[in-house]
Amino acid sequence: LAEHEALIVAHAPSWATVPERIRDDAQALERYAEMLMRLASACV
């Protein structure tokens, strides 16, 4: 996050839409949700 903060802040809101390729993969979906919540808290 520290290394790529500008890029992440600019594009992370669009990541709230889950990529189609993982929507049917429960394990991948859980890991993606964990990343989003951790990232959202860190950005706040």
Full PDB file with SEQRES, HELIX, SHEET, SSBOND, CRYST1, ORIGX, SCALE, CONECT and MASTER records, all heavy atoms in Angstrom:
SEQRES   1 A   44  LEU ALA GLU HIS GLU ALA LEU ILE VAL ALA HIS ALA PRO          
SEQRES   2 A   44  SER TRP ALA THR VAL PRO GLU ARG ILE ARG ASP ASP ALA          
SEQRES   3 A   44  GLN ALA LEU GLU ARG TYR ALA GLU MET LEU MET ARG LEU          
SEQRES   4 A   44  ALA SER ALA CYS VAL                                          
HELIX    1 AA1 GLU A    5  HIS A   11  1                                   7    
HELIX    2 AA2 ALA A   12  ALA A   16  5                                   5    
HELIX    3 AA3 GLU A   20  ILE A   22  5                                   3    
HELIX    4 AA4 ALA A   26  CYS A   43  1                                  18    
CRYST1    1.000    1.000    1.000  90.00  90.00  90.00 P 1           1          
ORIGX1      1.000000  0.000000  0.000000        0.00000                         
ORIGX2      0.000000  1.000000  0.000000        0.00000                         
ORIGX3      0.000000  0.000000  1.000000        0.00000                         
SCALE1      1.000000  0.000000  0.000000        0.00000                         
SCALE2      0.000000  1.000000  0.000000        0.00000                         
SCALE3      0.000000  0.000000  1.000000        0.00000                         
ATOM      1  N   LEU A   1       0.831  -1.200   0.000  1.00  0.00           N  
ATOM      2  CA  LEU A   1       0.000   0.000   0.000  1.00  0.00           C  
ATOM      3  C   LEU A   1       0.866   1.250   0.000  1.00  0.00           C  
ATOM      4  O   LEU A   1       0.587   2.221  -0.723  1.00  0.00           O  
ATOM      5  CB  LEU A   1      -0.926  -0.010   1.221  1.00  0.00           C  
ATOM      6  CG  LEU A   1      -1.808   1.234   1.438  1.00  0.00           C  
ATOM      7  CD1 LEU A   1      -2.659   1.511   0.206  1.00  0.00           C  
ATOM      8  CD2 LEU A   1      -2.690   1.041   2.656  1.00  0.00           C  
ATOM      9  N   ALA A   2       1.919   1.261   0.801  1.00  0.00           N  
ATOM     10  CA  ALA A   2       2.799   2.430   0.857  1.00  0.00           C  
ATOM     11  C   ALA A   2       3.505   2.666  -0.476  1.00  0.00           C  
ATOM     12  O   ALA A   2       3.667   3.809  -0.923  1.00  0.00           O  
ATOM     13  CB  ALA A   2       3.827   2.250   1.970  1.00  0.00           C  
ATOM     14  N   GLU A   3       3.913   1.588  -1.145  1.00  0.00           N  
ATOM     15  CA  GLU A   3       4.661   1.712  -2.399  1.00  0.00           C  
ATOM     16  C   GLU A   3       3.779   2.177  -3.551  1.00  0.00           C  
ATOM     17  O   GLU A   3       4.207   2.936  -4.421  1.00  0.00           O  
ATOM     18  CB  GLU A   3       5.315   0.380  -2.751  1.00  0.00           C  
ATOM     19  CG  GLU A   3       6.162   0.431  -4.018  1.00  0.00           C  
ATOM     20  CD  GLU A   3       6.814  -0.907  -4.338  1.00  0.00           C  
ATOM     21  OE1 GLU A   3       6.686  -1.837  -3.508  1.00  0.00           O  
ATOM     22  OE2 GLU A   3       7.455  -1.012  -5.406  1.00  0.00           O  
ATOM     23  N   HIS A   4       2.511   1.726  -3.551  1.00  0.00           N  
ATOM     24  CA  HIS A   4       1.630   2.007  -4.695  1.00  0.00           C  
ATOM     25  C   HIS A   4       0.396   2.806  -4.273  1.00  0.00           C  
ATOM     26  O   HIS A   4      -0.667   2.663  -4.873  1.00  0.00           O  
ATOM     27  CB  HIS A   4       1.183   0.688  -5.337  1.00  0.00           C  
ATOM     28  CG  HIS A   4       2.312  -0.192  -5.787  1.00  0.00           C  
ATOM     29  ND1 HIS A   4       3.071   0.080  -6.909  1.00  0.00           N  
ATOM     30  CD2 HIS A   4       2.815  -1.340  -5.247  1.00  0.00           C  
ATOM     31  CE1 HIS A   4       3.991  -0.867  -7.050  1.00  0.00           C  
ATOM     32  NE2 HIS A   4       3.862  -1.738  -6.059  1.00  0.00           N  
ATOM     33  N   GLU A   5       0.540   3.656  -3.256  1.00  0.00           N  
ATOM     34  CA  GLU A   5      -0.632   4.327  -2.679  1.00  0.00           C  
ATOM     35  C   GLU A   5      -1.409   5.130  -3.710  1.00  0.00           C  
ATOM     36  O   GLU A   5      -2.644   5.057  -3.772  1.00  0.00           O  
ATOM     37  CB  GLU A   5      -0.219   5.229  -1.519  1.00  0.00           C  
ATOM     38  CG  GLU A   5      -1.397   5.909  -0.840  1.00  0.00           C  
ATOM     39  CD  GLU A   5      -1.005   6.632   0.448  1.00  0.00           C  
ATOM     40  OE1 GLU A   5       0.152   6.480   0.883  1.00  0.00           O  
ATOM     41  OE2 GLU A   5      -1.865   7.333   0.995  1.00  0.00           O  
ATOM     42  N   ALA A   6      -0.726   5.908  -4.553  1.00  0.00           N  
ATOM     43  CA  ALA A   6      -1.425   6.766  -5.519  1.00  0.00           C  
ATOM     44  C   ALA A   6      -2.252   5.924  -6.487  1.00  0.00           C  
ATOM     45  O   ALA A   6      -3.426   6.238  -6.762  1.00  0.00           O  
ATOM     46  CB  ALA A   6      -0.420   7.631  -6.275  1.00  0.00           C  
ATOM     47  N   LEU A   7      -1.675   4.859  -6.979  1.00  0.00           N  
ATOM     48  CA  LEU A   7      -2.393   3.999  -7.926  1.00  0.00           C  
ATOM     49  C   LEU A   7      -3.584   3.333  -7.242  1.00  0.00           C  
ATOM     50  O   LEU A   7      -4.689   3.275  -7.806  1.00  0.00           O  
ATOM     51  CB  LEU A   7      -1.430   2.955  -8.499  1.00  0.00           C  
ATOM     52  CG  LEU A   7      -2.006   1.977  -9.529  1.00  0.00           C  
ATOM     53  CD1 LEU A   7      -0.952   1.613 -10.572  1.00  0.00           C  
ATOM     54  CD2 LEU A   7      -2.488   0.693  -8.844  1.00  0.00           C  
ATOM     55  N   ILE A   8      -3.379   2.836  -6.034  1.00  0.00           N  
ATOM     56  CA  ILE A   8      -4.442   2.131  -5.315  1.00  0.00           C  
ATOM     57  C   ILE A   8      -5.596   3.069  -4.998  1.00  0.00           C  
ATOM     58  O   ILE A   8      -6.774   2.737  -5.206  1.00  0.00           O  
ATOM     59  CB  ILE A   8      -3.880   1.491  -4.033  1.00  0.00           C  
ATOM     60  CG1 ILE A   8      -2.943   0.334  -4.392  1.00  0.00           C  
ATOM     61  CG2 ILE A   8      -5.009   1.001  -3.126  1.00  0.00           C  
ATOM     62  CD1 ILE A   8      -2.131  -0.187  -3.216  1.00  0.00           C  
ATOM     63  N   VAL A   9      -5.288   4.268  -4.501  1.00  0.00           N  
ATOM     64  CA  VAL A   9      -6.346   5.221  -4.154  1.00  0.00           C  
ATOM     65  C   VAL A   9      -7.159   5.586  -5.391  1.00  0.00           C  
ATOM     66  O   VAL A   9      -8.381   5.735  -5.326  1.00  0.00           O  
ATOM     67  CB  VAL A   9      -5.733   6.478  -3.503  1.00  0.00           C  
ATOM     68  CG1 VAL A   9      -6.760   7.597  -3.388  1.00  0.00           C  
ATOM     69  CG2 VAL A   9      -5.169   6.140  -2.130  1.00  0.00           C  
ATOM     70  N   ALA A  10      -6.476   5.717  -6.530  1.00  0.00           N  
ATOM     71  CA  ALA A  10      -7.166   6.109  -7.764  1.00  0.00           C  
ATOM     72  C   ALA A  10      -8.082   5.016  -8.293  1.00  0.00           C  
ATOM     73  O   ALA A  10      -9.152   5.310  -8.856  1.00  0.00           O  
ATOM     74  CB  ALA A  10      -6.138   6.494  -8.828  1.00  0.00           C  
ATOM     75  N   HIS A  11      -7.709   3.752  -8.118  1.00  0.00           N  
ATOM     76  CA  HIS A  11      -8.434   2.670  -8.792  1.00  0.00           C  
ATOM     77  C   HIS A  11      -9.176   1.730  -7.847  1.00  0.00           C  
ATOM     78  O   HIS A  11     -10.057   0.985  -8.298  1.00  0.00           O  
ATOM     79  CB  HIS A  11      -7.461   1.853  -9.658  1.00  0.00           C  
ATOM     80  CG  HIS A  11      -6.849   2.645 -10.760  1.00  0.00           C  
ATOM     81  ND1 HIS A  11      -7.499   2.865 -11.957  1.00  0.00           N  
ATOM     82  CD2 HIS A  11      -5.646   3.300 -10.843  1.00  0.00           C  
ATOM     83  CE1 HIS A  11      -6.726   3.614 -12.739  1.00  0.00           C  
ATOM     84  NE2 HIS A  11      -5.603   3.888 -12.090  1.00  0.00           N  
ATOM     85  N   ALA A  12      -8.858   1.748  -6.560  1.00  0.00           N  
ATOM     86  CA  ALA A  12      -9.466   0.779  -5.650  1.00  0.00           C  
ATOM     87  C   ALA A  12     -10.992   0.844  -5.602  1.00  0.00           C  
ATOM     88  O   ALA A  12     -11.636  -0.203  -5.470  1.00  0.00           O  
ATOM     89  CB  ALA A  12      -8.881   0.939  -4.240  1.00  0.00           C  
ATOM     90  N   PRO A  13     -11.633   2.029  -5.689  1.00  0.00           N  
ATOM     91  CA  PRO A  13     -13.108   2.023  -5.642  1.00  0.00           C  
ATOM     92  C   PRO A  13     -13.743   1.132  -6.707  1.00  0.00           C  
ATOM     93  O   PRO A  13     -14.787   0.518  -6.457  1.00  0.00           O  
ATOM     94  CB  PRO A  13     -13.461   3.504  -5.839  1.00  0.00           C  
ATOM     95  CG  PRO A  13     -12.303   4.243  -5.267  1.00  0.00           C  
ATOM     96  CD  PRO A  13     -11.103   3.415  -5.631  1.00  0.00           C  
ATOM     97  N   SER A  14     -13.098   1.032  -7.859  1.00  0.00           N  
ATOM     98  CA  SER A  14     -13.657   0.174  -8.908  1.00  0.00           C  
ATOM     99  C   SER A  14     -13.509  -1.302  -8.569  1.00  0.00           C  
ATOM    100  O   SER A  14     -14.208  -2.153  -9.142  1.00  0.00           O  
ATOM    101  CB  SER A  14     -12.975   0.472 -10.248  1.00  0.00           C  
ATOM    102  OG  SER A  14     -11.603   0.078 -10.213  1.00  0.00           O  
ATOM    103  N   TRP A  15     -12.617  -1.630  -7.626  1.00  0.00           N  
ATOM    104  CA  TRP A  15     -12.406  -3.027  -7.266  1.00  0.00           C  
ATOM    105  C   TRP A  15     -13.569  -3.577  -6.437  1.00  0.00           C  
ATOM    106  O   TRP A  15     -13.636  -4.776  -6.190  1.00  0.00           O  
ATOM    107  CB  TRP A  15     -11.109  -3.189  -6.469  1.00  0.00           C  
ATOM    108  CG  TRP A  15      -9.879  -2.810  -7.246  1.00  0.00           C  
ATOM    109  CD1 TRP A  15      -9.797  -2.498  -8.561  1.00  0.00           C  
ATOM    110  CD2 TRP A  15      -8.549  -2.680  -6.729  1.00  0.00           C  
ATOM    111  NE1 TRP A  15      -8.511  -2.185  -8.911  1.00  0.00           N  
ATOM    112  CE2 TRP A  15      -7.714  -2.284  -7.806  1.00  0.00           C  
ATOM    113  CE3 TRP A  15      -7.980  -2.850  -5.478  1.00  0.00           C  
ATOM    114  CZ2 TRP A  15      -6.351  -2.070  -7.663  1.00  0.00           C  
ATOM    115  CZ3 TRP A  15      -6.618  -2.639  -5.329  1.00  0.00           C  
ATOM    116  CH2 TRP A  15      -5.808  -2.253  -6.409  1.00  0.00           C  
ATOM    117  N   ALA A  16     -14.471  -2.701  -5.980  1.00  0.00           N  
ATOM    118  CA  ALA A  16     -15.633  -3.179  -5.232  1.00  0.00           C  
ATOM    119  C   ALA A  16     -16.493  -4.105  -6.080  1.00  0.00           C  
ATOM    120  O   ALA A  16     -17.258  -4.925  -5.556  1.00  0.00           O  
ATOM    121  CB  ALA A  16     -16.463  -2.005  -4.730  1.00  0.00           C  
ATOM    122  N   THR A  17     -16.392  -3.979  -7.405  1.00  0.00           N  
ATOM    123  CA  THR A  17     -17.055  -4.917  -8.312  1.00  0.00           C  
ATOM    124  C   THR A  17     -16.171  -6.148  -8.456  1.00  0.00           C  
ATOM    125  O   THR A  17     -15.047  -6.069  -8.967  1.00  0.00           O  
ATOM    126  CB  THR A  17     -17.276  -4.278  -9.697  1.00  0.00           C  
ATOM    127  OG1 THR A  17     -18.066  -3.100  -9.535  1.00  0.00           O  
ATOM    128  CG2 THR A  17     -17.976  -5.253 -10.624  1.00  0.00           C  
ATOM    129  N   VAL A  18     -16.656  -7.288  -8.006  1.00  0.00           N  
ATOM    130  CA  VAL A  18     -15.846  -8.509  -7.987  1.00  0.00           C  
ATOM    131  C   VAL A  18     -15.601  -8.987  -9.418  1.00  0.00           C  
ATOM    132  O   VAL A  18     -16.542  -9.054 -10.233  1.00  0.00           O  
ATOM    133  CB  VAL A  18     -16.556  -9.615  -7.188  1.00  0.00           C  
ATOM    134  CG1 VAL A  18     -15.719 -10.898  -7.184  1.00  0.00           C  
ATOM    135  CG2 VAL A  18     -16.823  -9.140  -5.762  1.00  0.00           C  
ATOM    136  N   PRO A  19     -14.352  -9.301  -9.766  1.00  0.00           N  
ATOM    137  CA  PRO A  19     -14.062  -9.818 -11.119  1.00  0.00           C  
ATOM    138  C   PRO A  19     -14.885 -11.069 -11.434  1.00  0.00           C  
ATOM    139  O   PRO A  19     -15.076 -11.940 -10.574  1.00  0.00           O  
ATOM    140  CB  PRO A  19     -12.570 -10.136 -11.054  1.00  0.00           C  
ATOM    141  CG  PRO A  19     -12.043  -9.252  -9.960  1.00  0.00           C  
ATOM    142  CD  PRO A  19     -13.145  -9.161  -8.956  1.00  0.00           C  
ATOM    143  N   GLU A  20     -15.358 -11.160 -12.674  1.00  0.00           N  
ATOM    144  CA  GLU A  20     -16.220 -12.285 -13.067  1.00  0.00           C  
ATOM    145  C   GLU A  20     -15.522 -13.621 -12.876  1.00  0.00           C  
ATOM    146  O   GLU A  20     -16.157 -14.618 -12.525  1.00  0.00           O  
ATOM    147  CB  GLU A  20     -16.639 -12.120 -14.528  1.00  0.00           C  
ATOM    148  CG  GLU A  20     -17.631 -10.990 -14.752  1.00  0.00           C  
ATOM    149  CD  GLU A  20     -18.147 -10.989 -16.194  1.00  0.00           C  
ATOM    150  OE1 GLU A  20     -17.928 -12.008 -16.910  1.00  0.00           O  
ATOM    151  OE2 GLU A  20     -18.744  -9.978 -16.601  1.00  0.00           O  
ATOM    152  N   ARG A  21     -14.216 -13.667 -13.107  1.00  0.00           N  
ATOM    153  CA  ARG A  21     -13.511 -14.945 -13.097  1.00  0.00           C  
ATOM    154  C   ARG A  21     -13.497 -15.624 -11.738  1.00  0.00           C  
ATOM    155  O   ARG A  21     -13.216 -16.813 -11.634  1.00  0.00           O  
ATOM    156  CB  ARG A  21     -12.070 -14.753 -13.594  1.00  0.00           C  
ATOM    157  CG  ARG A  21     -11.197 -13.896 -12.676  1.00  0.00           C  
ATOM    158  CD  ARG A  21      -9.764 -13.811 -13.207  1.00  0.00           C  
ATOM    159  NE  ARG A  21      -8.903 -13.044 -12.305  1.00  0.00           N  
ATOM    160  CZ  ARG A  21      -8.768 -11.728 -12.345  1.00  0.00           C  
ATOM    161  NH1 ARG A  21      -9.453 -11.031 -13.239  1.00  0.00           N  
ATOM    162  NH2 ARG A  21      -7.959 -11.106 -11.496  1.00  0.00           N  
ATOM    163  N   ILE A  22     -13.786 -14.884 -10.643  1.00  0.00           N  
ATOM    164  CA  ILE A  22     -13.743 -15.507  -9.319  1.00  0.00           C  
ATOM    165  C   ILE A  22     -15.114 -15.580  -8.656  1.00  0.00           C  
ATOM    166  O   ILE A  22     -15.223 -16.042  -7.516  1.00  0.00           O  
ATOM    167  CB  ILE A  22     -12.756 -14.776  -8.379  1.00  0.00           C  
ATOM    168  CG1 ILE A  22     -13.270 -13.370  -8.041  1.00  0.00           C  
ATOM    169  CG2 ILE A  22     -11.364 -14.728  -8.983  1.00  0.00           C  
ATOM    170  CD1 ILE A  22     -12.464 -12.703  -6.945  1.00  0.00           C  
ATOM    171  N   ARG A  23     -16.157 -15.125  -9.339  1.00  0.00           N  
ATOM    172  CA  ARG A  23     -17.470 -15.069  -8.691  1.00  0.00           C  
ATOM    173  C   ARG A  23     -18.017 -16.447  -8.348  1.00  0.00           C  
ATOM    174  O   ARG A  23     -18.837 -16.584  -7.436  1.00  0.00           O  
ATOM    175  CB  ARG A  23     -18.461 -14.325  -9.588  1.00  0.00           C  
ATOM    176  CG  ARG A  23     -18.159 -12.833  -9.680  1.00  0.00           C  
ATOM    177  CD  ARG A  23     -19.105 -12.104 -10.592  1.00  0.00           C  
ATOM    178  NE  ARG A  23     -18.710 -10.703 -10.731  1.00  0.00           N  
ATOM    179  CZ  ARG A  23     -19.308  -9.839 -11.543  1.00  0.00           C  
ATOM    180  NH1 ARG A  23     -20.343 -10.231 -12.286  1.00  0.00           N  
ATOM    181  NH2 ARG A  23     -18.885  -8.601 -11.614  1.00  0.00           N  
ATOM    182  N   ASP A  24     -17.585 -17.474  -9.057  1.00  0.00           N  
ATOM    183  CA  ASP A  24     -18.067 -18.826  -8.780  1.00  0.00           C  
ATOM    184  C   ASP A  24     -17.076 -19.649  -7.965  1.00  0.00           C  
ATOM    185  O   ASP A  24     -17.292 -20.843  -7.750  1.00  0.00           O  
ATOM    186  CB  ASP A  24     -18.365 -19.553 -10.109  1.00  0.00           C  
ATOM    187  CG  ASP A  24     -19.498 -18.897 -10.863  1.00  0.00           C  
ATOM    188  OD1 ASP A  24     -20.410 -18.367 -10.199  1.00  0.00           O  
ATOM    189  OD2 ASP A  24     -19.456 -18.895 -12.105  1.00  0.00           O  
ATOM    190  N   ASP A  25     -16.002 -19.005  -7.523  1.00  0.00           N  
ATOM    191  CA  ASP A  25     -14.968 -19.675  -6.737  1.00  0.00           C  
ATOM    192  C   ASP A  25     -15.077 -19.174  -5.294  1.00  0.00           C  
ATOM    193  O   ASP A  25     -14.608 -18.078  -4.979  1.00  0.00           O  
ATOM    194  CB  ASP A  25     -13.597 -19.383  -7.330  1.00  0.00           C  
ATOM    195  CG  ASP A  25     -12.467 -20.163  -6.635  1.00  0.00           C  
ATOM    196  OD1 ASP A  25     -12.644 -20.556  -5.460  1.00  0.00           O  
ATOM    197  OD2 ASP A  25     -11.405 -20.334  -7.262  1.00  0.00           O  
ATOM    198  N   ALA A  26     -15.703 -19.960  -4.410  1.00  0.00           N  
ATOM    199  CA  ALA A  26     -15.988 -19.504  -3.049  1.00  0.00           C  
ATOM    200  C   ALA A  26     -14.716 -19.127  -2.310  1.00  0.00           C  
ATOM    201  O   ALA A  26     -14.665 -18.112  -1.594  1.00  0.00           O  
ATOM    202  CB  ALA A  26     -16.741 -20.587  -2.274  1.00  0.00           C  
ATOM    203  N   GLN A  27     -13.664 -19.934  -2.473  1.00  0.00           N  
ATOM    204  CA  GLN A  27     -12.422 -19.659  -1.752  1.00  0.00           C  
ATOM    205  C   GLN A  27     -11.772 -18.374  -2.252  1.00  0.00           C  
ATOM    206  O   GLN A  27     -11.325 -17.536  -1.466  1.00  0.00           O  
ATOM    207  CB  GLN A  27     -11.462 -20.832  -1.905  1.00  0.00           C  
ATOM    208  CG  GLN A  27     -10.207 -20.706  -1.056  1.00  0.00           C  
ATOM    209  CD  GLN A  27      -9.339 -21.951  -1.137  1.00  0.00           C  
ATOM    210  OE1 GLN A  27      -9.605 -22.866  -1.922  1.00  0.00           O  
ATOM    211  NE2 GLN A  27      -8.304 -22.001  -0.319  1.00  0.00           N  
ATOM    212  N   ALA A  28     -11.726 -18.222  -3.569  1.00  0.00           N  
ATOM    213  CA  ALA A  28     -11.136 -17.013  -4.143  1.00  0.00           C  
ATOM    214  C   ALA A  28     -11.962 -15.786  -3.785  1.00  0.00           C  
ATOM    215  O   ALA A  28     -11.424 -14.707  -3.511  1.00  0.00           O  
ATOM    216  CB  ALA A  28     -11.021 -17.152  -5.658  1.00  0.00           C  
ATOM    217  N   LEU A  29     -13.285 -15.950  -3.752  1.00  0.00           N  
ATOM    218  CA  LEU A  29     -14.168 -14.848  -3.417  1.00  0.00           C  
ATOM    219  C   LEU A  29     -13.944 -14.394  -1.969  1.00  0.00           C  
ATOM    220  O   LEU A  29     -13.916 -13.200  -1.668  1.00  0.00           O  
ATOM    221  CB  LEU A  29     -15.620 -15.276  -3.618  1.00  0.00           C  
ATOM    222  CG  LEU A  29     -16.678 -14.183  -3.496  1.00  0.00           C  
ATOM    223  CD1 LEU A  29     -16.445 -13.093  -4.517  1.00  0.00           C  
ATOM    224  CD2 LEU A  29     -18.068 -14.774  -3.661  1.00  0.00           C  
ATOM    225  N   GLU A  30     -13.741 -15.340  -1.057  1.00  0.00           N  
ATOM    226  CA  GLU A  30     -13.503 -15.004   0.338  1.00  0.00           C  
ATOM    227  C   GLU A  30     -12.183 -14.253   0.494  1.00  0.00           C  
ATOM    228  O   GLU A  30     -12.096 -13.266   1.241  1.00  0.00           O  
ATOM    229  CB  GLU A  30     -13.483 -16.275   1.181  1.00  0.00           C  
ATOM    230  CG  GLU A  30     -13.312 -16.003   2.678  1.00  0.00           C  
ATOM    231  CD  GLU A  30     -13.404 -17.272   3.503  1.00  0.00           C  
ATOM    232  OE1 GLU A  30     -13.822 -18.317   2.950  1.00  0.00           O  
ATOM    233  OE2 GLU A  30     -13.047 -17.213   4.694  1.00  0.00           O  
ATOM    234  N   ARG A  31     -11.141 -14.697  -0.228  1.00  0.00           N  
ATOM    235  CA  ARG A  31      -9.853 -14.023  -0.156  1.00  0.00           C  
ATOM    236  C   ARG A  31      -9.955 -12.617  -0.735  1.00  0.00           C  
ATOM    237  O   ARG A  31      -9.353 -11.667  -0.210  1.00  0.00           O  
ATOM    238  CB  ARG A  31      -8.797 -14.824  -0.913  1.00  0.00           C  
ATOM    239  CG  ARG A  31      -8.448 -16.158  -0.261  1.00  0.00           C  
ATOM    240  CD  ARG A  31      -7.480 -16.956  -1.131  1.00  0.00           C  
ATOM    241  NE  ARG A  31      -6.218 -16.257  -1.303  1.00  0.00           N  
ATOM    242  CZ  ARG A  31      -5.371 -16.482  -2.306  1.00  0.00           C  
ATOM    243  NH1 ARG A  31      -5.682 -17.372  -3.240  1.00  0.00           N  
ATOM    244  NH2 ARG A  31      -4.243 -15.832  -2.388  1.00  0.00           N  
ATOM    245  N   TYR A  32     -10.734 -12.458  -1.791  1.00  0.00           N  
ATOM    246  CA  TYR A  32     -10.899 -11.145  -2.404  1.00  0.00           C  
ATOM    247  C   TYR A  32     -11.629 -10.206  -1.441  1.00  0.00           C  
ATOM    248  O   TYR A  32     -11.252  -9.041  -1.265  1.00  0.00           O  
ATOM    249  CB  TYR A  32     -11.695 -11.277  -3.708  1.00  0.00           C  
ATOM    250  CG  TYR A  32     -11.685 -10.017  -4.552  1.00  0.00           C  
ATOM    251  CD1 TYR A  32     -10.619  -9.738  -5.396  1.00  0.00           C  
ATOM    252  CD2 TYR A  32     -12.736  -9.114  -4.501  1.00  0.00           C  
ATOM    253  CE1 TYR A  32     -10.594  -8.588  -6.175  1.00  0.00           C  
ATOM    254  CE2 TYR A  32     -12.732  -7.966  -5.265  1.00  0.00           C  
ATOM    255  CZ  TYR A  32     -11.654  -7.709  -6.105  1.00  0.00           C  
ATOM    256  OH  TYR A  32     -11.636  -6.562  -6.871  1.00  0.00           O  
ATOM    257  N   ALA A  33     -12.672 -10.720  -0.771  1.00  0.00           N  
ATOM    258  CA  ALA A  33     -13.422  -9.894   0.186  1.00  0.00           C  
ATOM    259  C   ALA A  33     -12.547  -9.486   1.364  1.00  0.00           C  
ATOM    260  O   ALA A  33     -12.620  -8.350   1.846  1.00  0.00           O  
ATOM    261  CB  ALA A  33     -14.641 -10.667   0.679  1.00  0.00           C  
ATOM    262  N   GLU A  34     -11.698 -10.403   1.822  1.00  0.00           N  
ATOM    263  CA  GLU A  34     -10.795 -10.083   2.921  1.00  0.00           C  
ATOM    264  C   GLU A  34      -9.851  -8.960   2.507  1.00  0.00           C  
ATOM    265  O   GLU A  34      -9.610  -8.012   3.284  1.00  0.00           O  
ATOM    266  CB  GLU A  34      -9.994 -11.322   3.323  1.00  0.00           C  
ATOM    267  CG  GLU A  34      -9.021 -11.063   4.479  1.00  0.00           C  
ATOM    268  CD  GLU A  34      -8.185 -12.283   4.845  1.00  0.00           C  
ATOM    269  OE1 GLU A  34      -8.353 -13.337   4.190  1.00  0.00           O  
ATOM    270  OE2 GLU A  34      -7.370 -12.164   5.775  1.00  0.00           O  
ATOM    271  N   MET A  35      -9.312  -9.045   1.287  1.00  0.00           N  
ATOM    272  CA  MET A  35      -8.418  -7.996   0.796  1.00  0.00           C  
ATOM    273  C   MET A  35      -9.146  -6.657   0.735  1.00  0.00           C  
ATOM    274  O   MET A  35      -8.610  -5.619   1.170  1.00  0.00           O  
ATOM    275  CB  MET A  35      -7.884  -8.366  -0.587  1.00  0.00           C  
ATOM    276  CG  MET A  35      -6.934  -7.335  -1.192  1.00  0.00           C  
ATOM    277  SD  MET A  35      -7.763  -5.962  -2.061  1.00  0.00           S  
ATOM    278  CE  MET A  35      -8.406  -6.813  -3.506  1.00  0.00           C  
ATOM    279  N   LEU A  36     -10.368  -6.655   0.240  1.00  0.00           N  
ATOM    280  CA  LEU A  36     -11.104  -5.399   0.102  1.00  0.00           C  
ATOM    281  C   LEU A  36     -11.347  -4.729   1.454  1.00  0.00           C  
ATOM    282  O   LEU A  36     -11.170  -3.516   1.601  1.00  0.00           O  
ATOM    283  CB  LEU A  36     -12.442  -5.649  -0.592  1.00  0.00           C  
ATOM    284  CG  LEU A  36     -12.434  -5.793  -2.115  1.00  0.00           C  
ATOM    285  CD1 LEU A  36     -13.848  -6.016  -2.624  1.00  0.00           C  
ATOM    286  CD2 LEU A  36     -11.831  -4.557  -2.779  1.00  0.00           C  
ATOM    287  N   MET A  37     -11.777  -5.500   2.439  1.00  0.00           N  
ATOM    288  CA  MET A  37     -12.072  -4.908   3.742  1.00  0.00           C  
ATOM    289  C   MET A  37     -10.799  -4.397   4.415  1.00  0.00           C  
ATOM    290  O   MET A  37     -10.788  -3.327   5.018  1.00  0.00           O  
ATOM    291  CB  MET A  37     -12.788  -5.910   4.642  1.00  0.00           C  
ATOM    292  CG  MET A  37     -14.264  -6.078   4.311  1.00  0.00           C  
ATOM    293  SD  MET A  37     -15.173  -4.515   4.229  1.00  0.00           S  
ATOM    294  CE  MET A  37     -14.850  -3.809   5.836  1.00  0.00           C  
ATOM    295  N   ARG A  38      -9.725  -5.153   4.301  1.00  0.00           N  
ATOM    296  CA  ARG A  38      -8.460  -4.698   4.892  1.00  0.00           C  
ATOM    297  C   ARG A  38      -7.987  -3.431   4.188  1.00  0.00           C  
ATOM    298  O   ARG A  38      -7.527  -2.471   4.826  1.00  0.00           O  
ATOM    299  CB  ARG A  38      -7.408  -5.802   4.789  1.00  0.00           C  
ATOM    300  CG  ARG A  38      -6.115  -5.472   5.543  1.00  0.00           C  
ATOM    301  CD  ARG A  38      -5.125  -6.616   5.453  1.00  0.00           C  
ATOM    302  NE  ARG A  38      -5.625  -7.813   6.100  1.00  0.00           N  
ATOM    303  CZ  ARG A  38      -5.577  -8.028   7.415  1.00  0.00           C  
ATOM    304  NH1 ARG A  38      -5.069  -7.098   8.211  1.00  0.00           N  
ATOM    305  NH2 ARG A  38      -6.035  -9.147   7.919  1.00  0.00           N  
ATOM    306  N   LEU A  39      -8.112  -3.404   2.858  1.00  0.00           N  
ATOM    307  CA  LEU A  39      -7.676  -2.249   2.094  1.00  0.00           C  
ATOM    308  C   LEU A  39      -8.554  -1.033   2.395  1.00  0.00           C  
ATOM    309  O   LEU A  39      -8.070   0.086   2.551  1.00  0.00           O  
ATOM    310  CB  LEU A  39      -7.703  -2.576   0.595  1.00  0.00           C  
ATOM    311  CG  LEU A  39      -7.252  -1.449  -0.334  1.00  0.00           C  
ATOM    312  CD1 LEU A  39      -5.800  -1.063  -0.037  1.00  0.00           C  
ATOM    313  CD2 LEU A  39      -7.400  -1.879  -1.798  1.00  0.00           C  
ATOM    314  N   ALA A  40      -9.869  -1.251   2.490  1.00  0.00           N  
ATOM    315  CA  ALA A  40     -10.781  -0.142   2.767  1.00  0.00           C  
ATOM    316  C   ALA A  40     -10.466   0.494   4.110  1.00  0.00           C  
ATOM    317  O   ALA A  40     -10.427   1.720   4.237  1.00  0.00           O  
ATOM    318  CB  ALA A  40     -12.226  -0.631   2.730  1.00  0.00           C  
ATOM    319  N   SER A  41     -10.230  -0.334   5.130  1.00  0.00           N  
ATOM    320  CA  SER A  41      -9.904   0.196   6.459  1.00  0.00           C  
ATOM    321  C   SER A  41      -8.586   0.962   6.423  1.00  0.00           C  
ATOM    322  O   SER A  41      -8.466   2.047   7.010  1.00  0.00           O  
ATOM    323  CB  SER A  41      -9.818  -0.945   7.477  1.00  0.00           C  
ATOM    324  OG  SER A  41     -11.068  -1.583   7.623  1.00  0.00           O  
ATOM    325  N   ALA A  42      -7.573   0.403   5.725  1.00  0.00           N  
ATOM    326  CA  ALA A  42      -6.271   1.059   5.649  1.00  0.00           C  
ATOM    327  C   ALA A  42      -6.374   2.394   4.915  1.00  0.00           C  
ATOM    328  O   ALA A  42      -5.743   3.389   5.306  1.00  0.00           O  
ATOM    329  CB  ALA A  42      -5.264   0.150   4.950  1.00  0.00           C  
ATOM    330  N   CYS A  43      -7.188   2.442   3.873  1.00  0.00           N  
ATOM    331  CA  CYS A  43      -7.354   3.688   3.121  1.00  0.00           C  
ATOM    332  C   CYS A  43      -8.062   4.749   3.956  1.00  0.00           C  
ATOM    333  O   CYS A  43      -7.722   5.931   3.893  1.00  0.00           O  
ATOM    334  CB  CYS A  43      -8.122   3.422   1.830  1.00  0.00           C  
ATOM    335  SG  CYS A  43      -7.154   2.571   0.552  1.00  0.00           S  
ATOM    336  N   VAL A  44      -9.050   4.333   4.741  1.00  0.00           N  
ATOM    337  CA  VAL A  44      -9.736   5.285   5.616  1.00  0.00           C  
ATOM    338  C   VAL A  44      -8.743   5.892   6.604  1.00  0.00           C  
ATOM    339  O   VAL A  44      -8.749   7.103   6.857  1.00  0.00           O  
ATOM    340  CB  VAL A  44     -10.906   4.600   6.362  1.00  0.00           C  
ATOM    341  CG1 VAL A  44     -11.418   5.489   7.490  1.00  0.00           C  
ATOM    342  CG2 VAL A  44     -12.030   4.283   5.393  1.00  0.00           C  
TER     343      VAL A  44                                                      
MASTER        0    0    0    4    0    0    0    6  342    1    0    4          
END                                                                             
